[in-house]
């Protein structure tokens, strides 16, 4: 389990997905977050060990990708 911290200027829905190193999508989820700092808990316990990529996209089109290492 890890916690995703989001800082948004307005409340909106985010879509986040986790992919493995080969680019296969392992999980996709949508969640409404409030304006300001929000925390989203993501359960990765059933995902394989190794490098994972977390992609987050907001309703207004902002997108970010973070590299994770699961042991």
PDB file of N, CA and C in Angstrom:
ATOM      1  N   UNK A   1       0.851  -1.171   0.000  1.00  0.00           N
ATOM      2  CA  UNK A   1       0.000   0.000   0.000  1.00  0.00           C
ATOM      3  C   UNK A   1       0.897   1.234   0.000  1.00  0.00           C
ATOM      4  N   UNK A   2       0.544   2.185  -0.824  1.00  0.00           N
ATOM      5  CA  UNK A   2       1.234   3.460  -0.748  1.00  0.00           C
ATOM      6  C   UNK A   2       0.203   4.570  -0.832  1.00  0.00           C
ATOM      7  N   UNK A   3       0.616   5.751  -0.414  1.00  0.00           N
ATOM      8  CA  UNK A   3      -0.282   6.898  -0.384  1.00  0.00           C
ATOM      9  C   UNK A   3       0.154   7.889  -1.446  1.00  0.00           C
ATOM     10  N   UNK A   4      -0.790   8.268  -2.275  1.00  0.00           N
ATOM     11  CA  UNK A   4      -0.572   9.237  -3.337  1.00  0.00           C
ATOM     12  C   UNK A   4      -1.053  10.589  -2.829  1.00  0.00           C
ATOM     13  N   UNK A   5      -0.156  11.574  -2.794  1.00  0.00           N
ATOM     14  CA  UNK A   5      -0.511  12.924  -2.374  1.00  0.00           C
ATOM     15  C   UNK A   5      -0.775  13.776  -3.599  1.00  0.00           C
ATOM     16  N   UNK A   6      -1.954  14.394  -3.654  1.00  0.00           N
ATOM     17  CA  UNK A   6      -2.344  15.229  -4.789  1.00  0.00           C
ATOM     18  C   UNK A   6      -2.614  16.646  -4.305  1.00  0.00           C
ATOM     19  N   UNK A   7      -2.073  17.614  -5.019  1.00  0.00           N
ATOM     20  CA  UNK A   7      -2.349  19.016  -4.728  1.00  0.00           C
ATOM     21  C   UNK A   7      -3.038  19.603  -5.954  1.00  0.00           C
ATOM     22  N   UNK A   8      -4.316  19.941  -5.801  1.00  0.00           N
ATOM     23  CA  UNK A   8      -5.101  20.439  -6.932  1.00  0.00           C
ATOM     24  C   UNK A   8      -5.694  21.804  -6.605  1.00  0.00           C
ATOM     25  N   UNK A   9      -5.760  22.659  -7.617  1.00  0.00           N
ATOM     26  CA  UNK A   9      -6.335  23.994  -7.443  1.00  0.00           C
ATOM     27  C   UNK A   9      -7.854  23.938  -7.331  1.00  0.00           C
ATOM     28  N   UNK A  10      -8.460  22.907  -7.927  1.00  0.00           N
ATOM     29  CA  UNK A  10      -9.911  22.732  -7.859  1.00  0.00           C
ATOM     30  C   UNK A  10     -10.214  21.268  -7.582  1.00  0.00           C
ATOM     31  N   UNK A  11     -11.366  21.010  -6.982  1.00  0.00           N
ATOM     32  CA  UNK A  11     -11.784  19.631  -6.784  1.00  0.00           C
ATOM     33  C   UNK A  11     -12.152  19.017  -8.127  1.00  0.00           C
ATOM     34  N   UNK A  12     -11.715  17.792  -8.372  1.00  0.00           N
ATOM     35  CA  UNK A  12     -12.014  17.124  -9.633  1.00  0.00           C
ATOM     36  C   UNK A  12     -11.738  15.639  -9.516  1.00  0.00           C
ATOM     37  N   UNK A  13     -12.069  14.913 -10.547  1.00  0.00           N
ATOM     38  CA  UNK A  13     -11.820  13.480 -10.585  1.00  0.00           C
ATOM     39  C   UNK A  13     -10.466  13.228 -11.222  1.00  0.00           C
ATOM     40  N   UNK A  14      -9.687  12.327 -10.618  1.00  0.00           N
ATOM     41  CA  UNK A  14      -8.425  11.911 -11.223  1.00  0.00           C
ATOM     42  C   UNK A  14      -8.559  10.465 -11.671  1.00  0.00           C
ATOM     43  N   UNK A  15      -7.812  10.113 -12.674  1.00  0.00           N
ATOM     44  CA  UNK A  15      -7.700   8.731 -13.122  1.00  0.00           C
ATOM     45  C   UNK A  15      -6.247   8.338 -12.936  1.00  0.00           C
ATOM     46  N   UNK A  16      -6.017   7.232 -12.236  1.00  0.00           N
ATOM     47  CA  UNK A  16      -4.647   6.758 -12.101  1.00  0.00           C
ATOM     48  C   UNK A  16      -4.555   5.312 -12.557  1.00  0.00           C
ATOM     49  N   UNK A  17      -3.427   4.984 -13.144  1.00  0.00           N
ATOM     50  CA  UNK A  17      -3.204   3.617 -13.595  1.00  0.00           C
ATOM     51  C   UNK A  17      -1.780   3.216 -13.238  1.00  0.00           C
ATOM     52  N   UNK A  18      -1.600   1.917 -13.078  1.00  0.00           N
ATOM     53  CA  UNK A  18      -0.281   1.354 -12.781  1.00  0.00           C
ATOM     54  C   UNK A  18       0.048   0.354 -13.877  1.00  0.00           C
ATOM     55  N   UNK A  19       1.242   0.503 -14.439  1.00  0.00           N
ATOM     56  CA  UNK A  19       1.706  -0.394 -15.501  1.00  0.00           C
ATOM     57  C   UNK A  19       3.016  -1.038 -15.066  1.00  0.00           C
ATOM     58  N   UNK A  20       3.296  -2.217 -15.613  1.00  0.00           N
ATOM     59  CA  UNK A  20       4.583  -2.865 -15.339  1.00  0.00           C
ATOM     60  C   UNK A  20       5.632  -2.332 -16.318  1.00  0.00           C
ATOM     61  N   UNK A  21       6.851  -2.833 -16.209  1.00  0.00           N
ATOM     62  CA  UNK A  21       7.957  -2.344 -17.046  1.00  0.00           C
ATOM     63  C   UNK A  21       7.733  -2.617 -18.529  1.00  0.00           C
ATOM     64  N   UNK A  22       6.901  -3.610 -18.864  1.00  0.00           N
ATOM     65  CA  UNK A  22       6.601  -3.920 -20.260  1.00  0.00           C
ATOM     66  C   UNK A  22       5.471  -3.047 -20.811  1.00  0.00           C
ATOM     67  N   UNK A  23       4.876  -2.209 -19.948  1.00  0.00           N
ATOM     68  CA  UNK A  23       3.809  -1.326 -20.388  1.00  0.00           C
ATOM     69  C   UNK A  23       2.404  -1.887 -20.230  1.00  0.00           C
ATOM     70  N   UNK A  24       2.287  -3.089 -19.672  1.00  0.00           N
ATOM     71  CA  UNK A  24       0.964  -3.686 -19.458  1.00  0.00           C
ATOM     72  C   UNK A  24       0.272  -2.981 -18.292  1.00  0.00           C
ATOM     73  N   UNK A  25      -0.967  -2.559 -18.508  1.00  0.00           N
ATOM     74  CA  UNK A  25      -1.737  -1.899 -17.453  1.00  0.00           C
ATOM     75  C   UNK A  25      -2.205  -2.955 -16.456  1.00  0.00           C
ATOM     76  N   UNK A  26      -1.819  -2.787 -15.208  1.00  0.00           N
ATOM     77  CA  UNK A  26      -2.177  -3.734 -14.154  1.00  0.00           C
ATOM     78  C   UNK A  26      -3.408  -3.285 -13.380  1.00  0.00           C
ATOM     79  N   UNK A  27      -3.665  -1.981 -13.387  1.00  0.00           N
ATOM     80  CA  UNK A  27      -4.762  -1.435 -12.596  1.00  0.00           C
ATOM     81  C   UNK A  27      -5.101  -0.047 -13.105  1.00  0.00           C
ATOM     82  N   UNK A  28      -6.376   0.269 -13.141  1.00  0.00           N
ATOM     83  CA  UNK A  28      -6.844   1.614 -13.451  1.00  0.00           C
ATOM     84  C   UNK A  28      -7.975   1.934 -12.490  1.00  0.00           C
ATOM     85  N   UNK A  29      -7.978   3.154 -11.981  1.00  0.00           N
ATOM     86  CA  UNK A  29      -9.010   3.552 -11.034  1.00  0.00           C
ATOM     87  C   UNK A  29      -9.288   5.041 -11.175  1.00  0.00           C
ATOM     88  N   UNK A  30     -10.503   5.432 -10.835  1.00  0.00           N
ATOM     89  CA  UNK A  30     -10.890   6.842 -10.822  1.00  0.00           C
ATOM     90  C   UNK A  30     -11.289   7.201  -9.405  1.00  0.00           C
ATOM     91  N   UNK A  31     -10.965   8.427  -9.026  1.00  0.00           N
ATOM     92  CA  UNK A  31     -11.325   8.868  -7.684  1.00  0.00           C
ATOM     93  C   UNK A  31     -11.519  10.376  -7.676  1.00  0.00           C
ATOM     94  N   UNK A  32     -12.561  10.820  -6.989  1.00  0.00           N
ATOM     95  CA  UNK A  32     -12.793  12.252  -6.818  1.00  0.00           C
ATOM     96  C   UNK A  32     -11.874  12.751  -5.709  1.00  0.00           C
ATOM     97  N   UNK A  33     -11.229  13.870  -5.946  1.00  0.00           N
ATOM     98  CA  UNK A  33     -10.370  14.486  -4.929  1.00  0.00           C
ATOM     99  C   UNK A  33     -10.805  15.940  -4.745  1.00  0.00           C
ATOM    100  N   UNK A  34     -10.577  16.429  -3.549  1.00  0.00           N
ATOM    101  CA  UNK A  34     -10.991  17.782  -3.217  1.00  0.00           C
ATOM    102  C   UNK A  34      -9.904  18.795  -3.559  1.00  0.00           C
ATOM    103  N   UNK A  35     -10.291  20.043  -3.555  1.00  0.00           N
ATOM    104  CA  UNK A  35      -9.340  21.138  -3.764  1.00  0.00           C
ATOM    105  C   UNK A  35      -8.302  21.123  -2.643  1.00  0.00           C
ATOM    106  N   UNK A  36      -7.073  21.487  -2.990  1.00  0.00           N
ATOM    107  CA  UNK A  36      -6.000  21.508  -2.006  1.00  0.00           C
ATOM    108  C   UNK A  36      -5.286  20.167  -1.973  1.00  0.00           C
ATOM    109  N   UNK A  37      -4.747  19.822  -0.815  1.00  0.00           N
ATOM    110  CA  UNK A  37      -4.000  18.570  -0.653  1.00  0.00           C
ATOM    111  C   UNK A  37      -4.951  17.433  -0.331  1.00  0.00           C
ATOM    112  N   UNK A  38      -4.872  16.363  -1.111  1.00  0.00           N
ATOM    113  CA  UNK A  38      -5.667  15.157  -0.891  1.00  0.00           C
ATOM    114  C   UNK A  38      -4.744  13.951  -0.895  1.00  0.00           C
ATOM    115  N   UNK A  39      -5.143  12.917  -0.177  1.00  0.00           N
ATOM    116  CA  UNK A  39      -4.383  11.667  -0.157  1.00  0.00           C
ATOM    117  C   UNK A  39      -5.257  10.542  -0.686  1.00  0.00           C
ATOM    118  N   UNK A  40      -4.652   9.720  -1.546  1.00  0.00           N
ATOM    119  CA  UNK A  40      -5.328   8.564  -2.120  1.00  0.00           C
ATOM    120  C   UNK A  40      -4.482   7.341  -1.793  1.00  0.00           C
ATOM    121  N   UNK A  41      -5.077   6.355  -1.138  1.00  0.00           N
ATOM    122  CA  UNK A  41      -4.365   5.110  -0.826  1.00  0.00           C
ATOM    123  C   UNK A  41      -4.506   4.142  -1.993  1.00  0.00           C
ATOM    124  N   UNK A  42      -3.386   3.560  -2.406  1.00  0.00           N
ATOM    125  CA  UNK A  42      -3.373   2.631  -3.537  1.00  0.00           C
ATOM    126  C   UNK A  42      -2.794   1.303  -3.053  1.00  0.00           C
ATOM    127  N   UNK A  43      -3.556   0.231  -3.209  1.00  0.00           N
ATOM    128  CA  UNK A  43      -3.125  -1.104  -2.790  1.00  0.00           C
ATOM    129  C   UNK A  43      -2.367  -1.776  -3.932  1.00  0.00           C
ATOM    130  N   UNK A  44      -1.085  -1.998  -3.741  1.00  0.00           N
ATOM    131  CA  UNK A  44      -0.259  -2.668  -4.753  1.00  0.00           C
ATOM    132  C   UNK A  44       0.193  -4.046  -4.271  1.00  0.00           C
ATOM    133  N   UNK A  45      -0.443  -4.566  -3.234  1.00  0.00           N
ATOM    134  CA  UNK A  45      -0.003  -5.832  -2.635  1.00  0.00           C
ATOM    135  C   UNK A  45      -0.073  -7.012  -3.604  1.00  0.00           C
ATOM    136  N   UNK A  46      -1.003  -6.980  -4.561  1.00  0.00           N
ATOM    137  CA  UNK A  46      -1.135  -8.099  -5.504  1.00  0.00           C
ATOM    138  C   UNK A  46      -0.349  -7.879  -6.796  1.00  0.00           C
ATOM    139  N   UNK A  47       0.402  -6.822  -6.855  1.00  0.00           N
ATOM    140  CA  UNK A  47       1.175  -6.532  -8.066  1.00  0.00           C
ATOM    141  C   UNK A  47       2.551  -7.187  -7.962  1.00  0.00           C
ATOM    142  N   UNK A  48       3.144  -7.506  -9.090  1.00  0.00           N
ATOM    143  CA  UNK A  48       4.451  -8.179  -9.064  1.00  0.00           C
ATOM    144  C   UNK A  48       5.555  -7.245  -8.569  1.00  0.00           C
ATOM    145  N   UNK A  49       6.584  -7.844  -7.995  1.00  0.00           N
ATOM    146  CA  UNK A  49       7.747  -7.068  -7.568  1.00  0.00           C
ATOM    147  C   UNK A  49       8.471  -6.546  -8.800  1.00  0.00           C
ATOM    148  N   UNK A  50       9.139  -5.424  -8.647  1.00  0.00           N
ATOM    149  CA  UNK A  50       9.893  -4.838  -9.743  1.00  0.00           C
ATOM    150  C   UNK A  50       9.484  -3.404  -9.994  1.00  0.00           C
ATOM    151  N   UNK A  51       9.816  -2.913 -11.163  1.00  0.00           N
ATOM    152  CA  UNK A  51       9.536  -1.534 -11.525  1.00  0.00           C
ATOM    153  C   UNK A  51       8.093  -1.410 -12.016  1.00  0.00           C
ATOM    154  N   UNK A  52       7.394  -0.421 -11.470  1.00  0.00           N
ATOM    155  CA  UNK A  52       6.027  -0.112 -11.862  1.00  0.00           C
ATOM    156  C   UNK A  52       5.965   1.366 -12.225  1.00  0.00           C
ATOM    157  N   UNK A  53       5.030   1.717 -13.082  1.00  0.00           N
ATOM    158  CA  UNK A  53       4.841   3.112 -13.476  1.00  0.00           C
ATOM    159  C   UNK A  53       3.434   3.547 -13.105  1.00  0.00           C
ATOM    160  N   UNK A  54       3.349   4.633 -12.364  1.00  0.00           N
ATOM    161  CA  UNK A  54       2.079   5.207 -11.950  1.00  0.00           C
ATOM    162  C   UNK A  54       1.798   6.420 -12.827  1.00  0.00           C
ATOM    163  N   UNK A  55       0.683   6.391 -13.542  1.00  0.00           N
ATOM    164  CA  UNK A  55       0.274   7.529 -14.357  1.00  0.00           C
ATOM    165  C   UNK A  55      -0.975   8.127 -13.740  1.00  0.00           C
ATOM    166  N   UNK A  56      -0.963   9.452 -13.583  1.00  0.00           N
ATOM    167  CA  UNK A  56      -2.094  10.173 -13.011  1.00  0.00           C
ATOM    168  C   UNK A  56      -2.547  11.213 -14.021  1.00  0.00           C
ATOM    169  N   UNK A  57      -3.852  11.257 -14.255  1.00  0.00           N
ATOM    170  CA  UNK A  57      -4.394  12.264 -15.163  1.00  0.00           C
ATOM    171  C   UNK A  57      -5.593  12.926 -14.498  1.00  0.00           C
ATOM    172  N   UNK A  58      -5.640  14.266 -14.580  1.00  0.00           N
ATOM    173  CA  UNK A  58      -6.754  15.022 -14.022  1.00  0.00           C
ATOM    174  C   UNK A  58      -7.787  15.295 -15.106  1.00  0.00           C
ATOM    175  N   UNK A  59      -8.969  15.734 -14.688  1.00  0.00           N
ATOM    176  CA  UNK A  59     -10.029  16.056 -15.645  1.00  0.00           C
ATOM    177  C   UNK A  59      -9.627  17.184 -16.575  1.00  0.00           C
ATOM    178  N   UNK A  60      -8.784  18.089 -16.105  1.00  0.00           N
ATOM    179  CA  UNK A  60      -8.386  19.215 -16.951  1.00  0.00           C
ATOM    180  C   UNK A  60      -7.178  18.899 -17.838  1.00  0.00           C
ATOM    181  N   UNK A  61      -6.790  17.625 -17.902  1.00  0.00           N
ATOM    182  CA  UNK A  61      -5.776  17.197 -18.862  1.00  0.00           C
ATOM    183  C   UNK A  61      -4.348  17.134 -18.362  1.00  0.00           C
ATOM    184  N   UNK A  62      -4.095  17.514 -17.114  1.00  0.00           N
ATOM    185  CA  UNK A  62      -2.743  17.398 -16.590  1.00  0.00           C
ATOM    186  C   UNK A  62      -2.403  15.929 -16.398  1.00  0.00           C
ATOM    187  N   UNK A  63      -1.180  15.555 -16.764  1.00  0.00           N
ATOM    188  CA  UNK A  63      -0.760  14.164 -16.658  1.00  0.00           C
ATOM    189  C   UNK A  63       0.661  14.092 -16.108  1.00  0.00           C
ATOM    190  N   UNK A  64       0.884  13.124 -15.244  1.00  0.00           N
ATOM    191  CA  UNK A  64       2.223  12.891 -14.715  1.00  0.00           C
ATOM    192  C   UNK A  64       2.453  11.392 -14.601  1.00  0.00           C
ATOM    193  N   UNK A  65       3.701  10.990 -14.759  1.00  0.00           N
ATOM    194  CA  UNK A  65       4.080   9.580 -14.621  1.00  0.00           C
ATOM    195  C   UNK A  65       5.208   9.495 -13.606  1.00  0.00           C
ATOM    196  N   UNK A  66       5.073   8.576 -12.657  1.00  0.00           N
ATOM    197  CA  UNK A  66       6.085   8.355 -11.627  1.00  0.00           C
ATOM    198  C   UNK A  66       6.542   6.900 -11.675  1.00  0.00           C
ATOM    199  N   UNK A  67       7.825   6.707 -11.520  1.00  0.00           N
ATOM    200  CA  UNK A  67       8.406   5.361 -11.480  1.00  0.00           C
ATOM    201  C   UNK A  67       8.430   4.885 -10.042  1.00  0.00           C
ATOM    202  N   UNK A  68       7.945   3.664  -9.816  1.00  0.00           N
ATOM    203  CA  UNK A  68       7.906   3.054  -8.487  1.00  0.00           C
ATOM    204  C   UNK A  68       8.723   1.777  -8.485  1.00  0.00           C
ATOM    205  N   UNK A  69       9.265   1.425  -7.338  1.00  0.00           N
ATOM    206  CA  UNK A  69       9.958   0.145  -7.184  1.00  0.00           C
ATOM    207  C   UNK A  69       9.256  -0.640  -6.091  1.00  0.00           C
ATOM    208  N   UNK A  70       8.633  -1.759  -6.463  1.00  0.00           N
ATOM    209  CA  UNK A  70       7.975  -2.610  -5.494  1.00  0.00           C
ATOM    210  C   UNK A  70       8.861  -3.799  -5.178  1.00  0.00           C
ATOM    211  N   UNK A  71       9.063  -4.040  -3.916  1.00  0.00           N
ATOM    212  CA  UNK A  71       9.919  -5.152  -3.500  1.00  0.00           C
ATOM    213  C   UNK A  71       9.099  -6.343  -3.090  1.00  0.00           C
TER     214      UNK A  71
END
